Amino acid sequence: MHPVEVLKELHLDPLEMGAIPFARCLGVHRTRIARLIMGMTGITPEAALRIARLFNTAPVYGVNLQTNYDMAMACKEIDAPNIERCLPHSCS
């Protein structure tokens, strides 16, 4: 699940807050929020700080949402089982 879907479900929907008021509350341009909502960009540390302040959460909450999402996407894209473990002197 994209981090914005979590934010939307847990924070924005209960407040009936759309993208434009969300952007206004965060003090950022609405296109930045639009790109985030469309999944074109992720939650940056700066955005995580702003979101944490707005919703009274820890900044690490937003960063962790993004990191977990990024890791899930990487696991789908990278064929890690085909990478052999590096034993002493085997990678030289």
N, C-alpha and C. Protein backbone atom coordinates (compact mmCIF):
# COMPACT_ATOMS: atom_id res chain seq x y z
N MET A 1 0.85 -1.17 0.00
CA MET A 1 0.00 0.00 0.00
C MET A 1 0.90 1.24 0.00
N HIS A 2 0.60 2.16 -0.90
CA HIS A 2 1.38 3.39 -0.99
C HIS A 2 1.16 4.20 0.29
N PRO A 3 2.22 4.85 0.79
CA PRO A 3 2.10 5.62 2.03
C PRO A 3 0.96 6.64 2.04
N VAL A 4 0.67 7.22 0.90
CA VAL A 4 -0.40 8.21 0.84
C VAL A 4 -1.76 7.54 1.06
N GLU A 5 -1.90 6.30 0.62
CA GLU A 5 -3.16 5.58 0.87
C GLU A 5 -3.38 5.43 2.37
N VAL A 6 -2.30 5.16 3.10
CA VAL A 6 -2.40 5.04 4.56
C VAL A 6 -2.78 6.38 5.16
N LEU A 7 -2.10 7.44 4.75
CA LEU A 7 -2.41 8.79 5.26
C LEU A 7 -3.86 9.17 4.95
N LYS A 8 -4.26 8.86 3.72
CA LYS A 8 -5.62 9.19 3.30
C LYS A 8 -6.64 8.46 4.18
N GLU A 9 -6.46 7.17 4.32
CA GLU A 9 -7.42 6.36 5.07
C GLU A 9 -7.47 6.71 6.55
N LEU A 10 -6.28 6.93 7.14
CA LEU A 10 -6.22 7.17 8.58
C LEU A 10 -6.39 8.62 9.01
N HIS A 11 -6.03 9.55 8.12
CA HIS A 11 -6.03 10.95 8.53
C HIS A 11 -6.91 11.86 7.67
N LEU A 12 -6.74 11.79 6.36
CA LEU A 12 -7.45 12.74 5.50
C LEU A 12 -8.94 12.44 5.39
N ASP A 13 -9.29 11.18 5.14
CA ASP A 13 -10.71 10.82 5.00
C ASP A 13 -11.52 11.13 6.26
N PRO A 14 -11.04 10.75 7.46
CA PRO A 14 -11.83 11.07 8.65
C PRO A 14 -12.06 12.58 8.84
N LEU A 15 -11.12 13.37 8.38
CA LEU A 15 -11.27 14.83 8.48
C LEU A 15 -11.97 15.44 7.27
N GLU A 16 -12.28 14.57 6.29
CA GLU A 16 -12.86 15.03 5.02
C GLU A 16 -12.00 16.13 4.40
N MET A 17 -10.68 15.89 4.42
CA MET A 17 -9.71 16.86 3.92
C MET A 17 -9.20 16.41 2.55
N GLY A 18 -9.38 17.28 1.57
CA GLY A 18 -8.89 17.00 0.23
C GLY A 18 -7.46 17.46 0.04
N ALA A 19 -6.96 17.30 -1.17
CA ALA A 19 -5.57 17.61 -1.47
C ALA A 19 -5.23 19.09 -1.28
N ILE A 20 -6.11 19.97 -1.71
CA ILE A 20 -5.80 21.40 -1.63
C ILE A 20 -5.75 21.88 -0.18
N PRO A 21 -6.74 21.55 0.65
CA PRO A 21 -6.61 21.95 2.06
C PRO A 21 -5.42 21.28 2.75
N PHE A 22 -5.12 20.04 2.36
CA PHE A 22 -3.96 19.34 2.92
C PHE A 22 -2.68 20.09 2.59
N ALA A 23 -2.54 20.48 1.34
CA ALA A 23 -1.37 21.25 0.91
C ALA A 23 -1.28 22.57 1.66
N ARG A 24 -2.42 23.23 1.80
CA ARG A 24 -2.46 24.51 2.50
C ARG A 24 -2.01 24.34 3.95
N CYS A 25 -2.52 23.31 4.61
CA CYS A 25 -2.17 23.06 6.02
C CYS A 25 -0.68 22.73 6.17
N LEU A 26 -0.13 22.02 5.18
CA LEU A 26 1.29 21.67 5.24
C LEU A 26 2.20 22.82 4.84
N GLY A 27 1.62 23.82 4.18
CA GLY A 27 2.41 24.96 3.73
C GLY A 27 3.23 24.64 2.49
N VAL A 28 2.68 23.79 1.62
CA VAL A 28 3.37 23.44 0.37
C VAL A 28 2.43 23.68 -0.80
N HIS A 29 3.00 23.74 -2.00
CA HIS A 29 2.21 23.97 -3.20
C HIS A 29 1.34 22.75 -3.48
N ARG A 30 0.16 22.98 -4.00
CA ARG A 30 -0.79 21.88 -4.24
C ARG A 30 -0.28 20.87 -5.25
N THR A 31 0.57 21.30 -6.18
CA THR A 31 1.10 20.33 -7.16
C THR A 31 2.01 19.31 -6.47
N ARG A 32 2.66 19.73 -5.42
CA ARG A 32 3.52 18.80 -4.66
C ARG A 32 2.66 17.69 -4.03
N ILE A 33 1.52 18.07 -3.48
CA ILE A 33 0.62 17.09 -2.89
C ILE A 33 -0.02 16.24 -3.98
N ALA A 34 -0.37 16.85 -5.09
CA ALA A 34 -0.96 16.09 -6.20
C ALA A 34 0.01 15.01 -6.67
N ARG A 35 1.30 15.36 -6.80
CA ARG A 35 2.31 14.37 -7.22
C ARG A 35 2.45 13.26 -6.18
N LEU A 36 2.36 13.61 -4.93
CA LEU A 36 2.44 12.62 -3.86
C LEU A 36 1.23 11.69 -3.91
N ILE A 37 0.05 12.26 -4.05
CA ILE A 37 -1.18 11.46 -4.09
C ILE A 37 -1.21 10.54 -5.30
N MET A 38 -0.66 10.99 -6.43
CA MET A 38 -0.62 10.15 -7.63
C MET A 38 0.50 9.11 -7.59
N GLY A 39 1.29 9.13 -6.53
CA GLY A 39 2.38 8.17 -6.41
C GLY A 39 3.59 8.51 -7.25
N MET A 40 3.67 9.75 -7.73
CA MET A 40 4.79 10.17 -8.55
C MET A 40 6.01 10.55 -7.71
N THR A 41 5.78 10.78 -6.45
CA THR A 41 6.85 11.11 -5.52
C THR A 41 6.52 10.47 -4.17
N GLY A 42 7.52 10.37 -3.33
CA GLY A 42 7.31 9.75 -2.04
C GLY A 42 7.32 10.77 -0.91
N ILE A 43 7.17 10.26 0.29
CA ILE A 43 7.21 11.12 1.48
C ILE A 43 8.68 11.38 1.81
N THR A 44 9.09 12.62 1.65
CA THR A 44 10.46 13.01 1.96
C THR A 44 10.58 13.27 3.47
N PRO A 45 11.80 13.33 4.00
CA PRO A 45 11.93 13.70 5.42
C PRO A 45 11.27 15.04 5.74
N GLU A 46 11.37 16.00 4.83
CA GLU A 46 10.73 17.30 5.06
C GLU A 46 9.21 17.15 5.13
N ALA A 47 8.65 16.39 4.19
CA ALA A 47 7.20 16.15 4.20
C ALA A 47 6.79 15.40 5.46
N ALA A 48 7.61 14.44 5.88
CA ALA A 48 7.32 13.67 7.09
C ALA A 48 7.26 14.59 8.31
N LEU A 49 8.15 15.57 8.38
CA LEU A 49 8.13 16.53 9.48
C LEU A 49 6.86 17.36 9.47
N ARG A 50 6.46 17.81 8.29
CA ARG A 50 5.25 18.61 8.17
C ARG A 50 4.00 17.80 8.52
N ILE A 51 3.94 16.57 8.01
CA ILE A 51 2.80 15.69 8.27
C ILE A 51 2.72 15.35 9.75
N ALA A 52 3.87 15.10 10.36
CA ALA A 52 3.90 14.78 11.80
C ALA A 52 3.36 15.94 12.62
N ARG A 53 3.73 17.14 12.25
CA ARG A 53 3.26 18.33 12.98
C ARG A 53 1.75 18.48 12.82
N LEU A 54 1.28 18.29 11.60
CA LEU A 54 -0.14 18.47 11.31
C LEU A 54 -1.01 17.45 12.04
N PHE A 55 -0.59 16.18 12.04
CA PHE A 55 -1.41 15.11 12.59
C PHE A 55 -0.94 14.62 13.96
N ASN A 56 -0.01 15.34 14.55
CA ASN A 56 0.49 15.00 15.88
C ASN A 56 1.01 13.56 15.95
N THR A 57 1.86 13.23 14.98
CA THR A 57 2.51 11.92 14.96
C THR A 57 4.02 12.15 15.01
N ALA A 58 4.77 11.07 15.07
CA ALA A 58 6.23 11.17 15.04
C ALA A 58 6.70 11.29 13.59
N PRO A 59 7.70 12.11 13.30
CA PRO A 59 8.20 12.23 11.93
C PRO A 59 8.63 10.89 11.33
N VAL A 60 9.11 10.02 12.17
CA VAL A 60 9.58 8.72 11.68
C VAL A 60 8.41 7.89 11.12
N TYR A 61 7.19 8.21 11.52
CA TYR A 61 6.00 7.52 11.02
C TYR A 61 5.92 7.62 9.50
N GLY A 62 5.99 8.83 8.97
CA GLY A 62 5.93 9.03 7.52
C GLY A 62 7.13 8.45 6.80
N VAL A 63 8.30 8.61 7.39
CA VAL A 63 9.52 8.07 6.78
C VAL A 63 9.44 6.55 6.74
N ASN A 64 8.95 5.93 7.82
CA ASN A 64 8.82 4.47 7.85
C ASN A 64 7.79 3.97 6.85
N LEU A 65 6.69 4.69 6.70
CA LEU A 65 5.70 4.31 5.69
C LEU A 65 6.36 4.27 4.31
N GLN A 66 7.14 5.32 4.02
CA GLN A 66 7.79 5.40 2.71
C GLN A 66 8.86 4.32 2.55
N THR A 67 9.67 4.11 3.58
CA THR A 67 10.74 3.10 3.51
C THR A 67 10.16 1.70 3.32
N ASN A 68 9.12 1.38 4.05
CA ASN A 68 8.48 0.06 3.92
C ASN A 68 7.91 -0.13 2.52
N TYR A 69 7.31 0.90 1.98
CA TYR A 69 6.77 0.84 0.62
C TYR A 69 7.89 0.65 -0.39
N ASP A 70 8.96 1.44 -0.25
CA ASP A 70 10.09 1.34 -1.17
C ASP A 70 10.72 -0.05 -1.12
N MET A 71 10.83 -0.62 0.08
CA MET A 71 11.40 -1.96 0.22
C MET A 71 10.51 -3.01 -0.45
N ALA A 72 9.21 -2.89 -0.27
CA ALA A 72 8.28 -3.83 -0.91
C ALA A 72 8.40 -3.75 -2.43
N MET A 73 8.53 -2.54 -2.97
CA MET A 73 8.68 -2.38 -4.42
C MET A 73 10.01 -2.95 -4.89
N ALA A 74 11.07 -2.73 -4.13
CA ALA A 74 12.38 -3.26 -4.49
C ALA A 74 12.38 -4.79 -4.49
N CYS A 75 11.68 -5.37 -3.52
CA CYS A 75 11.61 -6.84 -3.46
C CYS A 75 10.91 -7.42 -4.68
N LYS A 76 10.00 -6.68 -5.26
CA LYS A 76 9.31 -7.13 -6.46
C LYS A 76 10.20 -7.00 -7.70
N GLU A 77 11.11 -6.03 -7.68
CA GLU A 77 11.92 -5.73 -8.85
C GLU A 77 13.27 -6.43 -8.88
N ILE A 78 13.84 -6.71 -7.73
CA ILE A 78 15.19 -7.26 -7.67
C ILE A 78 15.13 -8.75 -7.43
N ASP A 79 15.89 -9.48 -8.23
CA ASP A 79 15.93 -10.94 -8.12
C ASP A 79 17.04 -11.33 -7.15
N ALA A 80 16.83 -11.01 -5.86
CA ALA A 80 17.85 -11.24 -4.83
C ALA A 80 18.23 -12.71 -4.65
N PRO A 81 17.32 -13.69 -4.82
CA PRO A 81 17.73 -15.09 -4.64
C PRO A 81 18.84 -15.53 -5.60
N ASN A 82 18.99 -14.84 -6.72
CA ASN A 82 20.05 -15.20 -7.66
C ASN A 82 21.40 -14.58 -7.31
N ILE A 83 21.45 -13.79 -6.27
CA ILE A 83 22.71 -13.20 -5.82
C ILE A 83 23.34 -14.16 -4.83
N GLU A 84 24.54 -14.59 -5.17
CA GLU A 84 25.21 -15.55 -4.29
C GLU A 84 25.77 -14.82 -3.06
N ARG A 85 25.74 -15.52 -1.95
CA ARG A 85 26.31 -14.95 -0.72
C ARG A 85 27.82 -14.81 -0.91
N CYS A 86 28.34 -13.76 -0.34
CA CYS A 86 29.77 -13.50 -0.44
C CYS A 86 30.47 -14.15 0.75
N LEU A 87 31.24 -15.17 0.45
CA LEU A 87 32.02 -15.84 1.48
C LEU A 87 33.41 -15.24 1.49
N PRO A 88 34.18 -15.41 2.56
CA PRO A 88 35.54 -14.84 2.59
C PRO A 88 36.31 -15.21 1.33
N HIS A 89 36.83 -14.22 0.67
CA HIS A 89 37.68 -14.33 -0.51
C HIS A 89 36.93 -14.76 -1.77
N SER A 90 35.61 -14.93 -1.72
CA SER A 90 34.89 -15.38 -2.91
C SER A 90 34.47 -14.21 -3.81
N CYS A 91 34.48 -13.00 -3.31
CA CYS A 91 34.04 -11.86 -4.13
C CYS A 91 35.22 -11.10 -4.73
N SER A 92 36.44 -11.55 -4.50
CA SER A 92 37.59 -10.83 -5.03
C SER A 92 37.82 -11.14 -6.48
